[in-house]
Protein backbone atom coordinates (compact mmCIF):
# COMPACT_ATOMS: atom_id res chain seq x y z
CA MET A 1 -2.05 24.63 -11.70
CA GLU A 2 -2.29 21.96 -14.39
CA HIS A 3 -4.47 18.96 -13.45
CA LYS A 4 -2.62 15.66 -14.04
CA THR A 5 -4.70 12.59 -14.93
CA GLU A 6 -3.32 9.20 -13.85
CA ILE A 7 -3.65 6.51 -16.51
CA LYS A 8 -4.47 3.88 -13.86
CA PRO A 9 -5.18 5.31 -10.41
CA PRO A 10 -4.34 2.99 -7.48
CA VAL A 11 -7.39 1.13 -5.96
CA GLU A 12 -7.31 3.38 -2.88
CA VAL A 13 -7.70 6.39 -5.14
CA ARG A 14 -10.21 4.89 -7.46
CA TYR A 15 -12.47 3.84 -4.59
CA ARG A 16 -11.57 6.52 -2.10
CA LYS A 17 -15.18 7.43 -1.22
CA GLU A 18 -16.18 3.80 -0.75
CA LEU A 19 -13.30 3.22 1.56
CA LEU A 20 -14.09 6.40 3.57
CA ALA A 21 -17.74 5.48 3.89
CA LEU A 22 -16.87 2.00 5.05
CA LYS A 23 -14.34 3.30 7.60
CA GLU A 24 -16.86 5.76 8.98
CA SER A 25 -19.61 3.13 9.44
CA ASP A 26 -17.27 0.22 10.43
CA THR A 27 -18.19 -1.20 13.88
CA GLY A 28 -16.58 -4.60 13.42
CA LYS A 29 -13.57 -6.03 15.28
CA LYS A 30 -10.27 -5.02 13.70
CA PRO A 31 -6.87 -6.60 13.84
CA GLU A 32 -4.25 -4.19 15.05
CA ASN A 33 -3.21 -1.57 12.49
CA TRP A 34 -5.88 -2.53 10.00
CA GLN A 35 -7.78 0.30 8.34
CA LEU A 36 -11.03 -1.73 8.15
CA SER A 37 -12.44 -4.74 10.00
CA PRO A 38 -12.52 -8.11 8.16
CA LYS A 39 -16.31 -7.70 7.71
CA ALA A 40 -15.76 -4.23 6.11
CA VAL A 41 -12.92 -5.59 3.96
CA ARG A 42 -15.33 -8.28 2.67
CA THR A 43 -17.99 -5.74 1.97
CA PHE A 44 -15.49 -3.54 0.03
CA ILE A 45 -14.54 -6.42 -2.22
CA LEU A 46 -17.95 -8.21 -2.59
CA GLY A 47 -20.23 -5.22 -2.40
CA SER A 48 -23.21 -4.18 -0.30
CA ARG A 49 -26.85 -4.22 -1.06
CA GLU A 50 -27.51 -0.95 0.66
CA PRO A 51 -25.51 2.26 0.09
CA LEU A 52 -23.58 3.88 2.89
CA SER A 53 -23.71 7.50 3.97
CA LEU A 54 -20.64 9.76 3.78
CA ASN A 55 -21.17 13.41 4.81
CA GLY A 56 -24.79 13.15 3.67
CA GLU A 57 -23.95 11.57 0.35
CA LYS A 58 -25.10 8.02 -0.42
CA ILE A 59 -22.15 5.84 -1.51
CA ALA A 60 -22.85 2.53 -3.29
CA ILE A 61 -20.35 -0.13 -2.46
CA ARG A 62 -20.24 -2.17 -5.65
CA ARG A 63 -18.98 -5.66 -6.09
CA LYS A 64 -15.45 -5.60 -7.49
CA TYR A 65 -14.42 -9.24 -7.51
CA LEU A 66 -16.82 -11.52 -9.37
CA GLY A 67 -15.60 -14.87 -8.13
CA ASN A 68 -15.66 -17.20 -5.16
CA ASP A 69 -16.93 -15.37 -2.04
CA ALA A 70 -15.64 -18.08 0.26
CA LEU A 71 -12.12 -17.66 -1.19
CA VAL A 72 -12.19 -13.93 -0.43
CA GLU A 73 -13.18 -14.64 3.16
CA ARG A 74 -10.38 -17.14 3.59
CA CYS A 75 -7.87 -14.71 2.09
CA ILE A 76 -8.90 -12.00 4.62
CA ILE A 77 -8.62 -14.41 7.57
CA THR A 78 -5.20 -15.60 6.39
CA LEU A 79 -3.92 -12.04 6.31
CA ALA A 80 -5.17 -11.47 9.87
CA GLY A 81 -2.95 -14.39 11.03
CA ASN A 82 0.78 -15.06 10.96
CA ARG A 83 1.06 -16.83 7.65
CA GLY A 84 1.42 -15.17 4.25
CA LEU A 85 -1.16 -15.48 1.49
CA MET A 86 -0.26 -16.98 -1.89
CA LEU A 87 -2.74 -16.60 -4.72
CA VAL A 88 -2.05 -19.10 -7.53
CA GLY A 89 -3.85 -19.85 -10.77
CA GLU A 90 -3.93 -19.38 -14.51
CA PRO A 91 -2.85 -16.04 -15.95
CA GLY A 92 -5.65 -13.46 -16.11
CA THR A 93 -7.75 -14.78 -13.29
CA ALA A 94 -7.65 -11.53 -11.37
CA LYS A 95 -5.10 -12.59 -8.80
CA THR A 96 -3.38 -9.19 -8.96
CA MET A 97 -6.67 -7.31 -8.80
CA LEU A 98 -7.69 -9.29 -5.67
CA SER A 99 -4.33 -8.60 -3.99
CA GLU A 100 -4.73 -4.89 -4.78
CA LEU A 101 -8.26 -4.80 -3.30
CA LEU A 102 -7.17 -6.62 -0.14
CA SER A 103 -4.16 -4.31 0.33
CA ALA A 104 -6.10 -1.11 -0.25
CA ALA A 105 -8.84 -2.11 2.25
CA ILE A 106 -6.55 -3.54 4.94
CA SER A 107 -3.55 -1.19 4.74
CA GLY A 108 -4.86 1.90 2.89
CA THR A 109 -2.30 1.38 0.09
CA SER A 110 -1.95 -1.09 -2.72
CA THR A 111 1.32 0.22 -4.14
CA ASN A 112 3.83 -1.39 -1.72
CA THR A 113 4.79 -3.91 -4.34
CA ILE A 114 7.59 -6.12 -5.56
CA GLN A 115 7.33 -7.09 -9.20
CA GLY A 116 9.07 -10.44 -9.60
CA THR A 117 11.25 -10.97 -12.59
CA ALA A 118 14.39 -13.01 -13.48
CA GLY A 119 16.39 -9.81 -12.60
CA THR A 120 14.88 -9.23 -9.13
CA THR A 121 17.63 -8.89 -6.49
CA GLU A 122 17.52 -9.06 -2.73
CA ASP A 123 18.03 -5.24 -2.37
CA MET A 124 14.87 -4.73 -4.51
CA ILE A 125 12.97 -6.76 -1.90
CA LYS A 126 14.55 -5.73 1.42
CA TYR A 127 16.71 -2.62 1.29
CA GLY A 128 19.53 -0.83 -0.60
CA TRP A 129 21.84 2.11 0.12
CA ASN A 130 22.15 5.74 -0.92
CA TYR A 131 25.85 5.47 -1.76
CA ALA A 132 26.53 9.20 -1.56
CA LEU A 133 25.20 9.23 2.03
CA LEU A 134 26.91 5.92 2.78
CA LEU A 135 30.32 7.37 1.82
CA ALA A 136 29.62 10.64 3.71
CA LYS A 137 28.15 9.27 6.92
CA GLY A 138 28.83 5.55 6.93
CA PRO A 139 26.16 2.87 7.49
CA VAL A 140 23.41 4.87 9.22
CA ARG A 141 19.67 4.56 8.94
CA GLU A 142 19.56 7.79 6.98
CA ALA A 143 21.65 6.20 4.16
CA LEU A 144 19.36 3.10 4.03
CA VAL A 145 16.94 2.98 1.07
CA PRO A 146 13.93 0.81 2.22
CA ALA A 147 12.41 -1.58 -0.29
CA PRO A 148 8.80 -2.86 -0.13
CA LEU A 149 9.45 -5.61 2.40
CA TYR A 150 11.31 -3.23 4.76
CA LEU A 151 8.55 -0.61 4.38
CA GLY A 152 5.82 -3.22 5.04
CA MET A 153 7.47 -4.29 8.30
CA GLU A 154 8.30 -0.72 9.37
CA LYS A 155 4.82 0.63 8.79
CA GLY A 156 2.73 -2.41 9.55
CA ILE A 157 1.24 -2.72 6.08
CA LEU A 158 0.94 -5.45 3.51
CA THR A 159 3.67 -6.14 0.96
CA ARG A 160 2.55 -7.48 -2.37
CA PHE A 161 4.97 -9.85 -4.24
CA GLU A 162 3.81 -10.31 -7.82
CA GLU A 163 4.97 -13.29 -9.98
CA ILE A 164 7.10 -14.65 -7.16
CA THR A 165 8.04 -17.83 -9.19
CA ARG A 166 9.65 -15.63 -11.90
CA THR A 167 12.41 -14.71 -9.38
CA PRO A 168 15.48 -16.84 -8.69
CA ALA A 169 15.11 -19.45 -5.96
CA GLU A 170 17.68 -17.88 -3.69
CA ILE A 171 15.90 -14.58 -3.85
CA GLN A 172 12.57 -16.23 -2.90
CA ASP A 173 14.20 -17.89 0.02
CA SER A 174 15.31 -14.59 1.48
CA LEU A 175 11.66 -14.30 2.59
CA ILE A 176 11.75 -17.38 4.77
CA SER A 177 13.25 -15.90 7.90
CA VAL A 178 11.17 -12.71 7.65
CA LEU A 179 7.90 -14.69 7.26
CA SER A 180 8.93 -17.02 10.18
CA ASP A 181 10.23 -14.55 12.74
CA LYS A 182 8.89 -11.25 11.48
CA VAL A 183 12.36 -9.81 11.97
CA LEU A 184 14.74 -8.32 9.34
CA ASN A 185 18.39 -8.01 10.19
CA VAL A 186 20.48 -5.12 8.70
CA PRO A 187 23.99 -6.24 9.68
CA GLU A 188 25.53 -2.97 8.50
CA LEU A 189 23.70 -1.05 11.25
CA GLY A 190 25.19 -3.11 14.01
CA GLY A 191 23.19 -3.22 17.23
CA GLU A 192 20.46 -1.10 15.66
CA GLY A 193 20.09 -3.36 12.70
CA LEU A 194 17.12 -5.45 13.81
CA LEU A 195 13.79 -4.37 12.36
CA PHE A 196 10.78 -6.01 14.14
CA ALA A 197 7.64 -6.04 12.01
CA ARG A 198 4.72 -3.88 13.29
CA ALA A 199 1.34 -5.44 13.61
CA GLY A 200 -0.50 -5.37 10.36
CA PHE A 201 2.44 -6.58 8.28
CA ASN A 202 2.05 -9.55 6.05
CA VAL A 203 2.85 -10.69 2.49
CA ILE A 204 0.52 -11.39 -0.42
CA GLY A 205 2.21 -13.32 -3.19
CA THR A 206 0.90 -14.29 -6.61
CA ALA A 207 2.12 -17.01 -8.94
CA ASN A 208 0.94 -18.30 -12.29
CA THR A 209 0.47 -22.02 -12.65
CA ARG A 210 1.86 -21.77 -16.16
CA ASP A 211 5.14 -20.72 -14.53
CA LYS A 212 5.33 -23.94 -12.58
CA GLY A 213 8.85 -25.27 -12.74
CA VAL A 214 10.41 -21.97 -13.81
CA ASN A 215 11.72 -21.24 -10.31
CA GLU A 216 9.68 -23.65 -8.15
CA MET A 217 9.21 -22.40 -4.60
CA SER A 218 11.02 -24.38 -1.95
CA SER A 219 9.15 -26.50 0.53
CA ALA A 220 10.41 -24.32 3.35
CA LEU A 221 8.90 -21.18 1.70
CA LYS A 222 5.67 -22.81 0.80
CA ARG A 223 5.10 -23.71 4.41
CA ARG A 224 5.10 -19.99 5.29
CA PHE A 225 2.09 -19.36 3.04
CA ASN A 226 -1.56 -20.35 2.92
CA PHE A 227 -2.24 -21.19 -0.75
CA GLU A 228 -5.50 -20.17 -2.44
CA THR A 229 -6.18 -21.18 -6.04
CA VAL A 230 -8.00 -18.59 -8.12
CA MET A 231 -10.00 -20.49 -10.80
CA PRO A 232 -11.01 -19.18 -14.26
CA VAL A 233 -14.55 -18.03 -14.54
CA LYS A 234 -16.84 -21.02 -15.34
CA ASP A 235 -20.05 -19.11 -16.19
CA VAL A 236 -20.47 -17.31 -19.46
CA ALA A 237 -22.90 -14.78 -18.02
CA LEU A 238 -20.49 -13.97 -15.26
CA GLU A 239 -17.61 -13.62 -17.69
CA LYS A 240 -19.68 -11.30 -19.89
CA GLN A 241 -20.40 -9.17 -16.80
CA ILE A 242 -16.70 -8.98 -15.84
CA ILE A 243 -15.89 -7.87 -19.45
CA ILE A 244 -18.55 -5.12 -19.26
CA ASN A 245 -17.43 -3.92 -15.77
CA GLU A 246 -13.79 -3.83 -16.60
CA VAL A 247 -14.26 -2.13 -20.01
CA GLU A 248 -16.52 0.50 -18.44
CA ALA A 249 -13.86 1.26 -15.87
CA LEU A 250 -11.29 1.57 -18.70
CA THR A 251 -13.48 3.93 -20.66
CA ARG A 252 -14.05 6.17 -17.63
CA GLU A 253 -10.31 6.28 -17.00
CA SER A 254 -9.57 7.01 -20.66
CA LYS A 255 -12.52 9.42 -21.10
CA ILE A 256 -13.86 7.37 -24.01
CA ASP A 257 -17.48 8.38 -24.45
CA MET A 258 -18.87 5.16 -25.91
CA PRO A 259 -21.26 2.62 -24.33
CA VAL A 260 -20.30 -1.02 -23.99
CA ASP A 261 -22.17 -3.24 -26.50
CA GLU A 262 -23.46 -6.09 -24.34
CA ASP A 263 -24.24 -8.40 -27.26
CA VAL A 264 -20.62 -8.15 -28.54
CA ALA A 265 -19.43 -8.72 -24.98
CA GLU A 266 -21.56 -11.90 -24.80
CA ILE A 267 -20.11 -13.23 -28.07
CA LEU A 268 -16.57 -12.60 -26.86
CA ALA A 269 -17.31 -14.16 -23.45
CA SER A 270 -18.74 -17.21 -25.17
CA THR A 271 -15.68 -17.45 -27.47
CA TYR A 272 -13.15 -17.28 -24.72
CA HIS A 273 -15.16 -19.66 -22.42
CA GLU A 274 -15.60 -22.29 -25.12
CA LEU A 275 -12.02 -22.19 -26.36
CA ARG A 276 -10.81 -22.38 -22.74
CA GLU A 277 -13.10 -25.26 -21.77
CA GLY A 278 -12.78 -27.17 -25.06
CA THR A 279 -16.56 -27.65 -25.39
CA SER A 280 -19.21 -25.42 -26.92
CA SER A 281 -22.77 -24.76 -25.61
CA MET A 282 -24.02 -26.77 -28.59
CA GLY A 283 -21.95 -29.82 -27.68
CA HIS A 284 -19.05 -29.37 -30.11
CA ARG A 285 -15.64 -30.77 -29.01
CA ILE A 286 -13.03 -28.00 -29.50
CA ASP A 287 -9.26 -28.19 -29.71
CA LYS A 288 -8.07 -25.87 -26.90
CA PRO A 289 -5.44 -23.34 -27.93
CA SER A 290 -2.23 -23.25 -25.97
CA ALA A 291 -2.59 -19.50 -25.62
CA VAL A 292 -3.90 -17.97 -22.41
CA MET A 293 -7.70 -17.65 -22.98
CA SER A 294 -8.31 -15.63 -19.83
CA THR A 295 -10.98 -13.11 -19.00
CA ALA A 296 -8.27 -10.46 -18.80
CA GLU A 297 -7.33 -11.23 -22.39
CA ALA A 298 -11.02 -11.00 -23.39
CA VAL A 299 -11.22 -7.53 -21.81
CA SER A 300 -8.13 -6.44 -23.70
CA VAL A 301 -9.56 -7.69 -27.03
CA TYR A 302 -12.85 -5.88 -26.45
CA TYR A 303 -11.18 -2.68 -25.31
CA GLN A 304 -8.79 -2.65 -28.27
CA THR A 305 -11.74 -2.99 -30.67
CA MET A 306 -13.68 -0.31 -28.85
CA MET A 307 -10.75 2.15 -29.12
CA THR A 308 -10.53 1.51 -32.89
CA ALA A 309 -14.23 2.20 -33.25
CA TYR A 310 -14.05 5.34 -31.15
CA TYR A 311 -10.98 6.93 -32.78
CA TYR A 312 -11.29 5.63 -36.40
CA GLY A 313 -14.91 4.57 -36.82
CA ASP A 314 -18.43 5.69 -35.90
CA SER A 315 -18.33 4.47 -32.31
CA ARG A 316 -19.96 1.15 -33.22
CA MET A 317 -18.17 -2.15 -32.61
CA ASP A 318 -16.79 -3.69 -35.74
CA LEU A 319 -16.80 -7.50 -35.62
CA GLY A 320 -14.09 -7.64 -38.39
CA CYS A 321 -11.80 -5.59 -36.06
CA LEU A 322 -12.86 -7.82 -33.09
CA VAL A 323 -11.74 -10.89 -35.02
CA GLN A 324 -8.43 -9.27 -35.96
CA ASN A 325 -7.71 -8.43 -32.30
CA LEU A 326 -8.79 -11.92 -31.26
CA THR A 327 -6.33 -13.34 -33.86
CA GLY A 328 -3.47 -11.33 -32.36
CA ALA A 329 -4.31 -12.54 -28.88
CA VAL A 330 -4.52 -16.24 -29.85
CA GLN A 331 -1.42 -16.51 -32.08
CA LYS A 332 1.03 -14.58 -29.95
CA GLU A 333 2.24 -17.73 -28.12
CA ASN A 334 1.91 -20.35 -30.84
CA SER A 335 1.11 -19.91 -34.51
CA ASP A 336 -0.40 -23.39 -34.58
CA ASP A 337 -3.28 -22.02 -32.49
CA MET A 338 -4.59 -20.19 -35.53
CA GLU A 339 -5.82 -23.51 -37.04
CA LYS A 340 -7.72 -24.23 -33.88
CA LEU A 341 -9.34 -20.79 -34.02
CA ARG A 342 -10.32 -21.27 -37.68
CA SER A 343 -11.80 -24.64 -36.82
CA TYR A 344 -13.84 -22.99 -34.01
CA PHE A 345 -15.28 -20.52 -36.51
CA GLN A 346 -15.97 -23.20 -39.13
CA THR A 347 -17.90 -25.34 -36.63
CA VAL A 348 -19.22 -23.54 -33.54
CA VAL A 349 -19.61 -19.99 -34.91
CA ARG A 350 -21.04 -21.29 -38.21
CA ASP A 351 -23.68 -23.36 -36.41
CA LYS A 352 -24.53 -20.65 -33.95
CA GLY A 353 -24.94 -18.23 -36.86
CA GLY A 354 -27.30 -20.65 -38.59
CA LYS A 355 -29.32 -21.23 -35.43
CA GLU A 356 -29.36 -17.78 -33.84
CA GLY A 357 -28.64 -15.60 -36.81
CA GLY A 358 -28.10 -11.87 -36.11
CA LEU A 359 -24.76 -10.95 -34.57
CA TRP A 360 -23.47 -14.52 -34.67
CA ASN A 361 -24.00 -14.59 -38.37
CA SER A 362 -22.03 -11.37 -38.78
CA TYR A 363 -19.36 -12.85 -36.55
CA TYR A 364 -19.06 -15.88 -38.83
CA GLU A 365 -18.86 -13.64 -41.91
CA ALA A 366 -15.93 -11.83 -40.23
CA ARG A 367 -13.95 -15.08 -40.38
CA LYS A 368 -12.16 -13.68 -43.42
CA TYR A 369 -10.06 -11.63 -41.08
CA LEU A 370 -8.55 -14.73 -39.49
CA GLY A 371 -5.87 -14.59 -42.18
């Protein structure tokens, strides 16, 4: 039988052994229908100093979210209660990753997801119908096609709602009664049309602050959620480590046999951090680009450069290629941002090259690829 490799395995598949080891050793108090206790969920996301044993094998529980520990704890407690959890913040701040980790640890699955777009309709959220069965048998449960919200309530698992503010306001508001009463009415089924949510059901939403005003959430819906703001990474060393961790995971999934160059990762982390913050480590004032200078974008730029080196080069990172990929990332929203990037190279990168030499000097010389 041919083995099929998934491009991006779900969190529960990627960390299957960790979840099994945590479940086997978990002695904490668990909310009803949770796979792990809140303590074990925290350990899964934030890591453990000591490995756990699974059938005689030592399983390391590594830290997966390099951010605010207290925020993670608050998210877990929110999901144990009656209010939904809304993660808000700049694009690329790992809101989706955090929601996936929480869902995998709490419900055993991270794939019960609604992807919000301008074209999202109510039947994509709640339920639809198999029209062949509907015509043959009428409105019976067999003909109903459950959507993620229905499945979450029926099974007692979390439902993830990505980019909720991208959906029309009337679609968002269809969540209000469900979050309030934990009941979904299917009028077509008559007396059997009330679905009462099982314990364990809740909703994790995500929303980008850059989408504010696109389809602003109503006050009534906001009251059904606890809001947590996921902030951009403020520490260059931490941002560098995130880039390394994420790229290493991507190389394992893509079977790219090439180590991560930590020095290049540090340069990229510094570039993204300084452009995002508007200040360099040497005290320069920098015009901030309007483009999203997120850690997720930095990971993409590094990985794109790495793949080029692996498939076309000698498996060594090329700073000229890095600058080209950086250029593509910066100018995709506003071509005026290119002047800000050139200014960054002419001041910050030039001065760092003069002071530190080495790779920073090579980085400055690669400015010719800025176009």
